[in-house]
């Protein structure tokens, strides 16, 4: 009877060790799976952030080009107006000079 109990205890100890080994292996596997999932999530987040950045940059460039074009158009109009005014003043100045010299 005592030998049977010793054998039962040894069998139980072996079974407990086997359960601990399996639990440790399962724990390592779960940790590795979690690490891989974290890496995947981080990579996807980086890709999404890059895409958002590219879209925002593209939108900002487009808006900047529109503003730039408006500024250039307004500057061209101002230059044309100044040039036109200068031409009229030039004609008046020439007329006045001709009157004084000929006149």
PDB file of N, CA and C in Angstrom:
ATOM      1  N   UNK A   1       0.814  -1.181   0.000  1.00  0.00           N
ATOM      2  CA  UNK A   1       0.000   0.000   0.000  1.00  0.00           C
ATOM      3  C   UNK A   1       0.869   1.260   0.000  1.00  0.00           C
ATOM      4  N   UNK A   2       1.895   1.270   0.828  1.00  0.00           N
ATOM      5  CA  UNK A   2       2.783   2.427   0.906  1.00  0.00           C
ATOM      6  C   UNK A   2       3.502   2.636  -0.405  1.00  0.00           C
ATOM      7  N   UNK A   3       3.859   1.553  -1.063  1.00  0.00           N
ATOM      8  CA  UNK A   3       4.548   1.668  -2.351  1.00  0.00           C
ATOM      9  C   UNK A   3       3.589   2.256  -3.386  1.00  0.00           C
ATOM     10  N   UNK A   4       2.324   1.871  -3.338  1.00  0.00           N
ATOM     11  CA  UNK A   4       1.328   2.407  -4.258  1.00  0.00           C
ATOM     12  C   UNK A   4       1.151   3.910  -4.047  1.00  0.00           C
ATOM     13  N   UNK A   5       1.161   4.313  -2.772  1.00  0.00           N
ATOM     14  CA  UNK A   5       1.022   5.747  -2.485  1.00  0.00           C
ATOM     15  C   UNK A   5       2.233   6.505  -2.989  1.00  0.00           C
ATOM     16  N   UNK A   6       3.412   5.956  -2.815  1.00  0.00           N
ATOM     17  CA  UNK A   6       4.637   6.599  -3.306  1.00  0.00           C
ATOM     18  C   UNK A   6       4.577   6.696  -4.824  1.00  0.00           C
ATOM     19  N   UNK A   7       4.114   5.616  -5.467  1.00  0.00           N
ATOM     20  CA  UNK A   7       3.994   5.641  -6.923  1.00  0.00           C
ATOM     21  C   UNK A   7       2.940   6.658  -7.358  1.00  0.00           C
ATOM     22  N   UNK A   8       1.834   6.732  -6.622  1.00  0.00           N
ATOM     23  CA  UNK A   8       0.794   7.729  -6.932  1.00  0.00           C
ATOM     24  C   UNK A   8       1.344   9.146  -6.790  1.00  0.00           C
ATOM     25  N   UNK A   9       2.125   9.361  -5.731  1.00  0.00           N
ATOM     26  CA  UNK A   9       2.712  10.692  -5.508  1.00  0.00           C
ATOM     27  C   UNK A   9       3.686  11.018  -6.636  1.00  0.00           C
ATOM     28  N   UNK A  10       4.526  10.065  -7.011  1.00  0.00           N
ATOM     29  CA  UNK A  10       5.494  10.291  -8.097  1.00  0.00           C
ATOM     30  C   UNK A  10       4.747  10.554  -9.408  1.00  0.00           C
ATOM     31  N   UNK A  11       3.695   9.799  -9.651  1.00  0.00           N
ATOM     32  CA  UNK A  11       2.899   9.981 -10.864  1.00  0.00           C
ATOM     33  C   UNK A  11       2.244  11.371 -10.867  1.00  0.00           C
ATOM     34  N   UNK A  12       1.725  11.761  -9.713  1.00  0.00           N
ATOM     35  CA  UNK A  12       1.097  13.077  -9.582  1.00  0.00           C
ATOM     36  C   UNK A  12       2.131  14.182  -9.777  1.00  0.00           C
ATOM     37  N   UNK A  13       3.325  13.994  -9.204  1.00  0.00           N
ATOM     38  CA  UNK A  13       4.392  14.982  -9.379  1.00  0.00           C
ATOM     39  C   UNK A  13       4.804  15.090 -10.848  1.00  0.00           C
ATOM     40  N   UNK A  14       4.913  13.957 -11.517  1.00  0.00           N
ATOM     41  CA  UNK A  14       5.277  13.954 -12.943  1.00  0.00           C
ATOM     42  C   UNK A  14       4.198  14.645 -13.760  1.00  0.00           C
ATOM     43  N   UNK A  15       2.949  14.363 -13.433  1.00  0.00           N
ATOM     44  CA  UNK A  15       1.822  15.004 -14.131  1.00  0.00           C
ATOM     45  C   UNK A  15       1.832  16.515 -13.885  1.00  0.00           C
ATOM     46  N   UNK A  16       2.108  16.927 -12.640  1.00  0.00           N
ATOM     47  CA  UNK A  16       2.173  18.359 -12.311  1.00  0.00           C
ATOM     48  C   UNK A  16       3.311  19.023 -13.083  1.00  0.00           C
ATOM     49  N   UNK A  17       4.458  18.347 -13.173  1.00  0.00           N
ATOM     50  CA  UNK A  17       5.595  18.901 -13.926  1.00  0.00           C
ATOM     51  C   UNK A  17       5.230  19.040 -15.400  1.00  0.00           C
ATOM     52  N   UNK A  18       4.543  18.042 -15.926  1.00  0.00           N
ATOM     53  CA  UNK A  18       4.110  18.090 -17.326  1.00  0.00           C
ATOM     54  C   UNK A  18       3.154  19.260 -17.547  1.00  0.00           C
ATOM     55  N   UNK A  19       2.235  19.460 -16.615  1.00  0.00           N
ATOM     56  CA  UNK A  19       1.279  20.581 -16.717  1.00  0.00           C
ATOM     57  C   UNK A  19       2.028  21.910 -16.652  1.00  0.00           C
ATOM     58  N   UNK A  20       3.022  22.023 -15.743  1.00  0.00           N
ATOM     59  CA  UNK A  20       3.814  23.263 -15.642  1.00  0.00           C
ATOM     60  C   UNK A  20       4.579  23.525 -16.935  1.00  0.00           C
ATOM     61  N   UNK A  21       5.162  22.459 -17.514  1.00  0.00           N
ATOM     62  CA  UNK A  21       5.918  22.598 -18.768  1.00  0.00           C
ATOM     63  C   UNK A  21       4.993  23.063 -19.890  1.00  0.00           C
ATOM     64  N   UNK A  22       3.829  22.443 -19.993  1.00  0.00           N
ATOM     65  CA  UNK A  22       2.856  22.840 -21.018  1.00  0.00           C
ATOM     66  C   UNK A  22       2.396  24.282 -20.802  1.00  0.00           C
ATOM     67  N   UNK A  23       2.156  24.657 -19.563  1.00  0.00           N
ATOM     68  CA  UNK A  23       1.719  26.024 -19.260  1.00  0.00           C
ATOM     69  C   UNK A  23       2.801  27.029 -19.617  1.00  0.00           C
ATOM     70  N   UNK A  24       4.057  26.682 -19.298  1.00  0.00           N
ATOM     71  CA  UNK A  24       5.162  27.587 -19.637  1.00  0.00           C
ATOM     72  C   UNK A  24       5.287  27.731 -21.150  1.00  0.00           C
ATOM     73  N   UNK A  25       5.161  26.632 -21.875  1.00  0.00           N
ATOM     74  CA  UNK A  25       5.240  26.684 -23.343  1.00  0.00           C
ATOM     75  C   UNK A  25       4.074  27.495 -23.918  1.00  0.00           C
ATOM     76  N   UNK A  26       2.891  27.269 -23.398  1.00  0.00           N
ATOM     77  CA  UNK A  26       1.720  28.035 -23.849  1.00  0.00           C
ATOM     78  C   UNK A  26       1.900  29.521 -23.551  1.00  0.00           C
ATOM     79  N   UNK A  27       2.449  29.826 -22.399  1.00  0.00           N
ATOM     80  CA  UNK A  27       2.710  31.220 -22.028  1.00  0.00           C
ATOM     81  C   UNK A  27       3.697  31.860 -23.002  1.00  0.00           C
ATOM     82  N   UNK A  28       4.784  31.140 -23.331  1.00  0.00           N
ATOM     83  CA  UNK A  28       5.765  31.661 -24.302  1.00  0.00           C
ATOM     84  C   UNK A  28       5.102  31.893 -25.659  1.00  0.00           C
ATOM     85  N   UNK A  29       4.259  30.951 -26.071  1.00  0.00           N
ATOM     86  CA  UNK A  29       3.576  31.078 -27.353  1.00  0.00           C
ATOM     87  C   UNK A  29       2.638  32.293 -27.347  1.00  0.00           C
ATOM     88  N   UNK A  30       1.887  32.459 -26.275  1.00  0.00           N
ATOM     89  CA  UNK A  30       0.980  33.609 -26.177  1.00  0.00           C
ATOM     90  C   UNK A  30       1.755  34.923 -26.204  1.00  0.00           C
ATOM     91  N   UNK A  31       2.890  34.958 -25.514  1.00  0.00           N
ATOM     92  CA  UNK A  31       3.717  36.175 -25.499  1.00  0.00           C
ATOM     93  C   UNK A  31       4.262  36.483 -26.898  1.00  0.00           C
ATOM     94  N   UNK A  32       4.709  35.463 -27.611  1.00  0.00           N
ATOM     95  CA  UNK A  32       5.229  35.660 -28.969  1.00  0.00           C
ATOM     96  C   UNK A  32       4.117  36.123 -29.910  1.00  0.00           C
ATOM     97  N   UNK A  33       2.940  35.495 -29.790  1.00  0.00           N
ATOM     98  CA  UNK A  33       1.802  35.915 -30.614  1.00  0.00           C
ATOM     99  C   UNK A  33       1.429  37.371 -30.319  1.00  0.00           C
ATOM    100  N   UNK A  34       1.434  37.736 -29.052  1.00  0.00           N
ATOM    101  CA  UNK A  34       1.103  39.116 -28.671  1.00  0.00           C
ATOM    102  C   UNK A  34       2.146  40.082 -29.215  1.00  0.00           C
ATOM    103  N   UNK A  35       3.428  39.698 -29.153  1.00  0.00           N
ATOM    104  CA  UNK A  35       4.487  40.552 -29.688  1.00  0.00           C
ATOM    105  C   UNK A  35       4.319  40.754 -31.194  1.00  0.00           C
ATOM    106  N   UNK A  36       4.022  39.655 -31.905  1.00  0.00           N
ATOM    107  CA  UNK A  36       3.806  39.763 -33.359  1.00  0.00           C
ATOM    108  C   UNK A  36       2.615  40.661 -33.665  1.00  0.00           C
ATOM    109  N   UNK A  37       1.558  40.526 -32.887  1.00  0.00           N
ATOM    110  CA  UNK A  37       0.366  41.352 -33.105  1.00  0.00           C
ATOM    111  C   UNK A  37       0.676  42.830 -32.856  1.00  0.00           C
ATOM    112  N   UNK A  38       1.462  43.105 -31.824  1.00  0.00           N
ATOM    113  CA  UNK A  38       1.848  44.491 -31.528  1.00  0.00           C
ATOM    114  C   UNK A  38       2.671  45.068 -32.677  1.00  0.00           C
ATOM    115  N   UNK A  39       3.609  44.264 -33.202  1.00  0.00           N
ATOM    116  CA  UNK A  39       4.425  44.720 -34.337  1.00  0.00           C
ATOM    117  C   UNK A  39       3.533  44.995 -35.545  1.00  0.00           C
ATOM    118  N   UNK A  40       2.582  44.110 -35.811  1.00  0.00           N
ATOM    119  CA  UNK A  40       1.658  44.311 -36.938  1.00  0.00           C
ATOM    120  C   UNK A  40       0.820  45.575 -36.749  1.00  0.00           C
ATOM    121  N   UNK A  41       0.299  45.761 -35.549  1.00  0.00           N
ATOM    122  CA  UNK A  41      -0.522  46.949 -35.273  1.00  0.00           C
ATOM    123  C   UNK A  41       0.312  48.218 -35.432  1.00  0.00           C
ATOM    124  N   UNK A  42       1.540  48.183 -34.933  1.00  0.00           N
ATOM    125  CA  UNK A  42       2.421  49.353 -35.048  1.00  0.00           C
ATOM    126  C   UNK A  42       2.729  49.647 -36.515  1.00  0.00           C
ATOM    127  N   UNK A  43       2.973  48.613 -37.303  1.00  0.00           N
ATOM    128  CA  UNK A  43       3.266  48.807 -38.732  1.00  0.00           C
ATOM    129  C   UNK A  43       2.054  49.392 -39.453  1.00  0.00           C
ATOM    130  N   UNK A  44       0.874  48.864 -39.158  1.00  0.00           N
ATOM    131  CA  UNK A  44      -0.342  49.385 -39.788  1.00  0.00           C
ATOM    132  C   UNK A  44      -0.580  50.837 -39.383  1.00  0.00           C
ATOM    133  N   UNK A  45      -0.341  51.150 -38.117  1.00  0.00           N
ATOM    134  CA  UNK A  45      -0.511  52.529 -37.646  1.00  0.00           C
ATOM    135  C   UNK A  45       0.464  53.460 -38.364  1.00  0.00           C
ATOM    136  N   UNK A  46       1.695  53.007 -38.552  1.00  0.00           N
ATOM    137  CA  UNK A  46       2.692  53.826 -39.261  1.00  0.00           C
ATOM    138  C   UNK A  46       2.255  54.054 -40.707  1.00  0.00           C
ATOM    139  N   UNK A  47       1.791  52.995 -41.359  1.00  0.00           N
ATOM    140  CA  UNK A  47       1.334  53.125 -42.743  1.00  0.00           C
ATOM    141  C   UNK A  47       0.155  54.095 -42.841  1.00  0.00           C
ATOM    142  N   UNK A  48      -0.788  53.991 -41.909  1.00  0.00           N
ATOM    143  CA  UNK A  48      -1.931  54.903 -41.910  1.00  0.00           C
ATOM    144  C   UNK A  48      -1.484  56.339 -41.650  1.00  0.00           C
ATOM    145  N   UNK A  49      -0.561  56.517 -40.721  1.00  0.00           N
ATOM    146  CA  UNK A  49      -0.048  57.866 -40.420  1.00  0.00           C
ATOM    147  C   UNK A  49       0.666  58.440 -41.635  1.00  0.00           C
ATOM    148  N   UNK A  50       1.445  57.606 -42.329  1.00  0.00           N
ATOM    149  CA  UNK A  50       2.122  58.067 -43.545  1.00  0.00           C
ATOM    150  C   UNK A  50       1.114  58.501 -44.596  1.00  0.00           C
ATOM    151  N   UNK A  51       0.050  57.737 -44.738  1.00  0.00           N
ATOM    152  CA  UNK A  51      -0.981  58.064 -45.734  1.00  0.00           C
ATOM    153  C   UNK A  51      -1.684  59.373 -45.366  1.00  0.00           C
ATOM    154  N   UNK A  52      -2.028  59.541 -44.104  1.00  0.00           N
ATOM    155  CA  UNK A  52      -2.665  60.782 -43.645  1.00  0.00           C
ATOM    156  C   UNK A  52      -1.729  61.966 -43.893  1.00  0.00           C
ATOM    157  N   UNK A  53      -0.438  61.781 -43.594  1.00  0.00           N
ATOM    158  CA  UNK A  53       0.559  62.833 -43.805  1.00  0.00           C
ATOM    159  C   UNK A  53       0.631  63.209 -45.286  1.00  0.00           C
ATOM    160  N   UNK A  54       0.701  62.201 -46.152  1.00  0.00           N
ATOM    161  CA  UNK A  54       0.790  62.469 -47.590  1.00  0.00           C
ATOM    162  C   UNK A  54      -0.443  63.225 -48.091  1.00  0.00           C
ATOM    163  N   UNK A  55      -1.619  62.806 -47.627  1.00  0.00           N
ATOM    164  CA  UNK A  55      -2.849  63.484 -48.046  1.00  0.00           C
ATOM    165  C   UNK A  55      -2.879  64.922 -47.550  1.00  0.00           C
ATOM    166  N   UNK A  56      -2.482  65.138 -46.291  1.00  0.00           N
ATOM    167  CA  UNK A  56      -2.468  66.492 -45.732  1.00  0.00           C
ATOM    168  C   UNK A  56      -1.466  67.367 -46.467  1.00  0.00           C
ATOM    169  N   UNK A  57      -0.308  66.802 -46.776  1.00  0.00           N
ATOM    170  CA  UNK A  57       0.717  67.560 -47.502  1.00  0.00           C
ATOM    171  C   UNK A  57       0.236  67.911 -48.903  1.00  0.00           C
ATOM    172  N   UNK A  58      -0.383  66.956 -49.563  1.00  0.00           N
ATOM    173  CA  UNK A  58      -0.904  67.199 -50.909  1.00  0.00           C
ATOM    174  C   UNK A  58      -1.970  68.293 -50.893  1.00  0.00           C
ATOM    175  N   UNK A  59      -2.861  68.222 -49.904  1.00  0.00           N
ATOM    176  CA  UNK A  59      -3.915  69.239 -49.786  1.00  0.00           C
ATOM    177  C   UNK A  59      -3.302  70.612 -49.519  1.00  0.00           C
ATOM    178  N   UNK A  60      -2.326  70.671 -48.625  1.00  0.00           N
ATOM    179  CA  UNK A  60      -1.682  71.949 -48.304  1.00  0.00           C
ATOM    180  C   UNK A  60      -0.965  72.516 -49.524  1.00  0.00           C
ATOM    181  N   UNK A  61      -0.292  71.657 -50.290  1.00  0.00           N
ATOM    182  CA  UNK A  61       0.392  72.121 -51.507  1.00  0.00           C
ATOM    183  C   UNK A  61      -0.612  72.657 -52.514  1.00  0.00           C
ATOM    184  N   UNK A  62      -1.726  71.962 -52.660  1.00  0.00           N
ATOM    185  CA  UNK A  62      -2.760  72.401 -53.597  1.00  0.00           C
ATOM    186  C   UNK A  62      -3.316  73.768 -53.187  1.00  0.00           C
ATOM    187  N   UNK A  63      -3.623  73.907 -51.899  1.00  0.00           N
ATOM    188  CA  UNK A  63      -4.140  75.186 -51.404  1.00  0.00           C
ATOM    189  C   UNK A  63      -3.099  76.288 -51.548  1.00  0.00           C
ATOM    190  N   UNK A  64      -1.836  75.964 -51.287  1.00  0.00           N
ATOM    191  CA  UNK A  64      -0.766  76.952 -51.431  1.00  0.00           C
ATOM    192  C   UNK A  64      -0.628  77.389 -52.887  1.00  0.00           C
ATOM    193  N   UNK A  65      -0.759  76.453 -53.821  1.00  0.00           N
ATOM    194  CA  UNK A  65      -0.675  76.796 -55.250  1.00  0.00           C
ATOM    195  C   UNK A  65      -1.824  77.709 -55.666  1.00  0.00           C
ATOM    196  N   UNK A  66      -3.009  77.456 -55.141  1.00  0.00           N
ATOM    197  CA  UNK A  66      -4.159  78.306 -55.458  1.00  0.00           C
ATOM    198  C   UNK A  66      -3.916  79.724 -54.939  1.00  0.00           C
ATOM    199  N   UNK A  67      -3.457  79.829 -53.703  1.00  0.00           N
ATOM    200  CA  UNK A  67      -3.166  81.144 -53.114  1.00  0.00           C
ATOM    201  C   UNK A  67      -2.062  81.842 -53.903  1.00  0.00           C
ATOM    202  N   UNK A  68      -1.005  81.097 -54.252  1.00  0.00           N
ATOM    203  CA  UNK A  68       0.103  81.656 -55.027  1.00  0.00           C
ATOM    204  C   UNK A  68      -0.395  82.199 -56.361  1.00  0.00           C
ATOM    205  N   UNK A  69      -1.217  81.400 -57.050  1.00  0.00           N
ATOM    206  CA  UNK A  69      -1.750  81.837 -58.346  1.00  0.00           C
ATOM    207  C   UNK A  69      -2.586  83.107 -58.208  1.00  0.00           C
ATOM    208  N   UNK A  70      -3.376  83.204 -57.138  1.00  0.00           N
ATOM    209  CA  UNK A  70      -4.168  84.417 -56.907  1.00  0.00           C
ATOM    210  C   UNK A  70      -3.262  85.625 -56.675  1.00  0.00           C
ATOM    211  N   UNK A  71      -2.224  85.425 -55.890  1.00  0.00           N
ATOM    212  CA  UNK A  71      -1.287  86.529 -55.610  1.00  0.00           C
ATOM    213  C   UNK A  71      -0.610  86.982 -56.903  1.00  0.00           C
ATOM    214  N   UNK A  72      -0.162  86.033 -57.715  1.00  0.00           N
ATOM    215  CA  UNK A  72       0.486  86.375 -58.986  1.00  0.00           C
ATOM    216  C   UNK A  72      -0.494  87.102 -59.904  1.00  0.00           C
ATOM    217  N   UNK A  73      -1.730  86.632 -59.970  1.00  0.00           N
ATOM    218  CA  UNK A  73      -2.741  87.278 -60.819  1.00  0.00           C
ATOM    219  C   UNK A  73      -3.003  88.704 -60.354  1.00  0.00           C
ATOM    220  N   UNK A  74      -3.148  88.906 -59.046  1.00  0.00           N
ATOM    221  CA  UNK A  74      -3.360  90.254 -58.509  1.00  0.00           C
ATOM    222  C   UNK A  74      -2.155  91.150 -58.775  1.00  0.00           C
ATOM    223  N   UNK A  75      -0.954  90.609 -58.635  1.00  0.00           N
ATOM    224  CA  UNK A  75       0.261  91.392 -58.893  1.00  0.00           C
ATOM    225  C   UNK A  75       0.336  91.768 -60.365  1.00  0.00           C
ATOM    226  N   UNK A  76      -0.043  90.844 -61.254  1.00  0.00           N
ATOM    227  CA  UNK A  76      -0.036  91.140 -62.691  1.00  0.00           C
ATOM    228  C   UNK A  76      -1.036  92.243 -63.012  1.00  0.00           C
ATOM    229  N   UNK A  77      -2.216  92.162 -62.419  1.00  0.00           N
ATOM    230  CA  UNK A  77      -3.212  93.218 -62.627  1.00  0.00           C
ATOM    231  C   UNK A  77      -2.675  94.572 -62.154  1.00  0.00           C
ATOM    232  N   UNK A  78      -2.054  94.573 -60.965  1.00  0.00           N
ATOM    233  CA  UNK A  78      -1.481  95.818 -60.431  1.00  0.00           C
ATOM    234  C   UNK A  78      -0.395  96.356 -61.354  1.00  0.00           C
ATOM    235  N   UNK A  79       0.462  95.471 -61.849  1.00  0.00           N
ATOM    236  CA  UNK A  79       1.526  95.900 -62.769  1.00  0.00           C
ATOM    237  C   UNK A  79       0.939  96.453 -64.066  1.00  0.00           C
ATOM    238  N   UNK A  80      -0.075  95.779 -64.586  1.00  0.00           N
ATOM    239  CA  UNK A  80      -0.722  96.258 -65.819  1.00  0.00           C
ATOM    240  C   UNK A  80      -1.352  97.635 -65.594  1.00  0.00           C
ATOM    241  N   UNK A  81      -1.996  97.809 -64.435  1.00  0.00           N
ATOM    242  CA  UNK A  81      -2.620  99.101 -64.130  1.00  0.00           C
ATOM    243  C   UNK A  81      -1.548 100.189 -64.012  1.00  0.00           C
ATOM    244  N   UNK A  82      -0.456  99.890 -63.344  1.00  0.00           N
ATOM    245  CA  UNK A  82       0.634 100.873 -63.221  1.00  0.00           C
ATOM    246  C   UNK A  82       1.239 101.193 -64.575  1.00  0.00           C
ATOM    247  N   UNK A  83       1.426 100.181 -65.387  1.00  0.00           N
ATOM    248  CA  UNK A  83       2.002 100.383 -66.722  1.00  0.00           C
ATOM    249  C   UNK A  83       1.078 101.227 -67.590  1.00  0.00           C
ATOM    250  N   UNK A  84      -0.206 100.951 -67.503  1.00  0.00           N
ATOM    251  CA  UNK A  84      -1.185 101.719 -68.272  1.00  0.00           C
ATOM    252  C   UNK A  84      -1.200 103.179 -67.815  1.00  0.00           C
ATOM    253  N   UNK A  85      -1.166 103.359 -66.488  1.00  0.00           N
ATOM    254  CA  UNK A  85      -1.136 104.723 -65.947  1.00  0.00           C
ATOM    255  C   UNK A  85       0.141 105.442 -66.346  1.00  0.00           C
ATOM    256  N   UNK A  86       1.241 104.715 -66.355  1.00  0.00           N
ATOM    257  CA  UNK A  86       2.522 105.320 -66.745  1.00  0.00           C
ATOM    258  C   UNK A  86       2.486 105.719 -68.209  1.00  0.00           C
ATOM    259  N   UNK A  87       1.877 104.917 -69.049  1.00  0.00           N
ATOM    260  CA  UNK A  87       1.783 105.252 -70.482  1.00  0.00           C
ATOM    261  C   UNK A  87       0.971 106.526 -70.676  1.00  0.00           C
ATOM    262  N   UNK A  88      -0.130 106.639 -69.945  1.00  0.00           N
ATOM    263  CA  UNK A  88      -0.945 107.867 -70.071  1.00  0.00           C
ATOM    264  C   UNK A  88      -0.148 109.083 -69.592  1.00  0.00           C
ATOM    265  N   UNK A  89       0.558 108.930 -68.484  1.00  0.00           N
ATOM    266  CA  UNK A  89       1.362 110.043 -67.972  1.00  0.00           C
ATOM    267  C   UNK A  89       2.500 110.379 -68.923  1.00  0.00           C
ATOM    268  N   UNK A  90       3.052 109.381 -69.586  1.00  0.00           N
ATOM    269  CA  UNK A  90       4.131 109.606 -70.541  1.00  0.00           C
ATOM    270  C   UNK A  90       3.616 110.446 -71.714  1.00  0.00           C
ATOM    271  N   UNK A  91       2.429 110.093 -72.187  1.00  0.00           N
ATOM    272  CA  UNK A  91       1.846 110.837 -73.307  1.00  0.00           C
ATOM    273  C   UNK A  91       1.606 112.299 -72.913  1.00  0.00           C
ATOM    274  N   UNK A  92       1.113 112.526 -71.685  1.00  0.00           N
ATOM    275  CA  UNK A  92       0.890 113.898 -71.209  1.00  0.00           C
ATOM    276  C   UNK A  92       2.208 114.647 -71.093  1.00  0.00           C
ATOM    277  N   UNK A  93       3.227 113.951 -70.558  1.00  0.00           N
ATOM    278  CA  UNK A  93       4.532 114.599 -70.383  1.00  0.00           C
ATOM    279  C   UNK A  93       5.124 114.974 -71.734  1.00  0.00           C
ATOM    280  N   UNK A  94       5.024 114.075 -72.703  1.00  0.00           N
ATOM    281  CA  UNK A  94       5.550 114.368 -74.049  1.00  0.00           C
ATOM    282  C   UNK A  94       4.796 115.550 -74.649  1.00  0.00           C
ATOM    283  N   UNK A  95       3.499 115.573 -74.467  1.00  0.00           N
ATOM    284  CA  UNK A  95       2.689 116.665 -75.005  1.00  0.00           C
ATOM    285  C   UNK A  95       3.090 117.998 -74.381  1.00  0.00           C
ATOM    286  N   UNK A  96       3.300 118.002 -73.062  1.00  0.00           N
ATOM    287  CA  UNK A  96       3.701 119.238 -72.382  1.00  0.00           C
ATOM    288  C   UNK A  96       5.074 119.686 -72.842  1.00  0.00           C
ATOM    289  N   UNK A  97       5.988 118.756 -72.983  1.00  0.00           N
ATOM    290  CA  UNK A  97       7.349 119.121 -73.425  1.00  0.00           C
ATOM    291  C   UNK A  97       7.311 119.674 -74.854  1.00  0.00           C
ATOM    292  N   UNK A  98       6.554 119.040 -75.716  1.00  0.00           N
ATOM    293  CA  UNK A  98       6.451 119.500 -77.106  1.00  0.00           C
ATOM    294  C   UNK A  98       5.859 120.897 -77.126  1.00  0.00           C
ATOM    295  N   UNK A  99       4.861 121.168 -76.309  1.00  0.00           N
ATOM    296  CA  UNK A  99       4.255 122.504 -76.276  1.00  0.00           C
ATOM    297  C   UNK A  99       5.271 123.563 -75.821  1.00  0.00           C
ATOM    298  N   UNK A 100       6.076 123.236 -74.863  1.00  0.00           N
ATOM    299  CA  UNK A 100       7.049 124.203 -74.355  1.00  0.00           C
ATOM    300  C   UNK A 100       8.164 124.447 -75.364  1.00  0.00           C
ATOM    301  N   UNK A 101       8.566 123.390 -76.029  1.00  0.00           N
ATOM    302  CA  UNK A 101       9.652 123.569 -76.985  1.00  0.00           C
ATOM    303  C   UNK A 101       9.140 124.252 -78.253  1.00  0.00           C
ATOM    304  N   UNK A 102       8.034 123.791 -78.751  1.00  0.00           N
ATOM    305  CA  UNK A 102       7.512 124.334 -80.004  1.00  0.00           C
ATOM    306  C   UNK A 102       6.763 125.638 -79.722  1.00  0.00           C
ATOM    307  N   UNK A 103       6.100 125.649 -78.644  1.00  0.00           N
ATOM    308  CA  UNK A 103       5.194 126.654 -78.309  1.00  0.00           C
ATOM    309  C   UNK A 103       5.469 128.027 -78.064  1.00  0.00           C
TER     310      UNK A 103
END
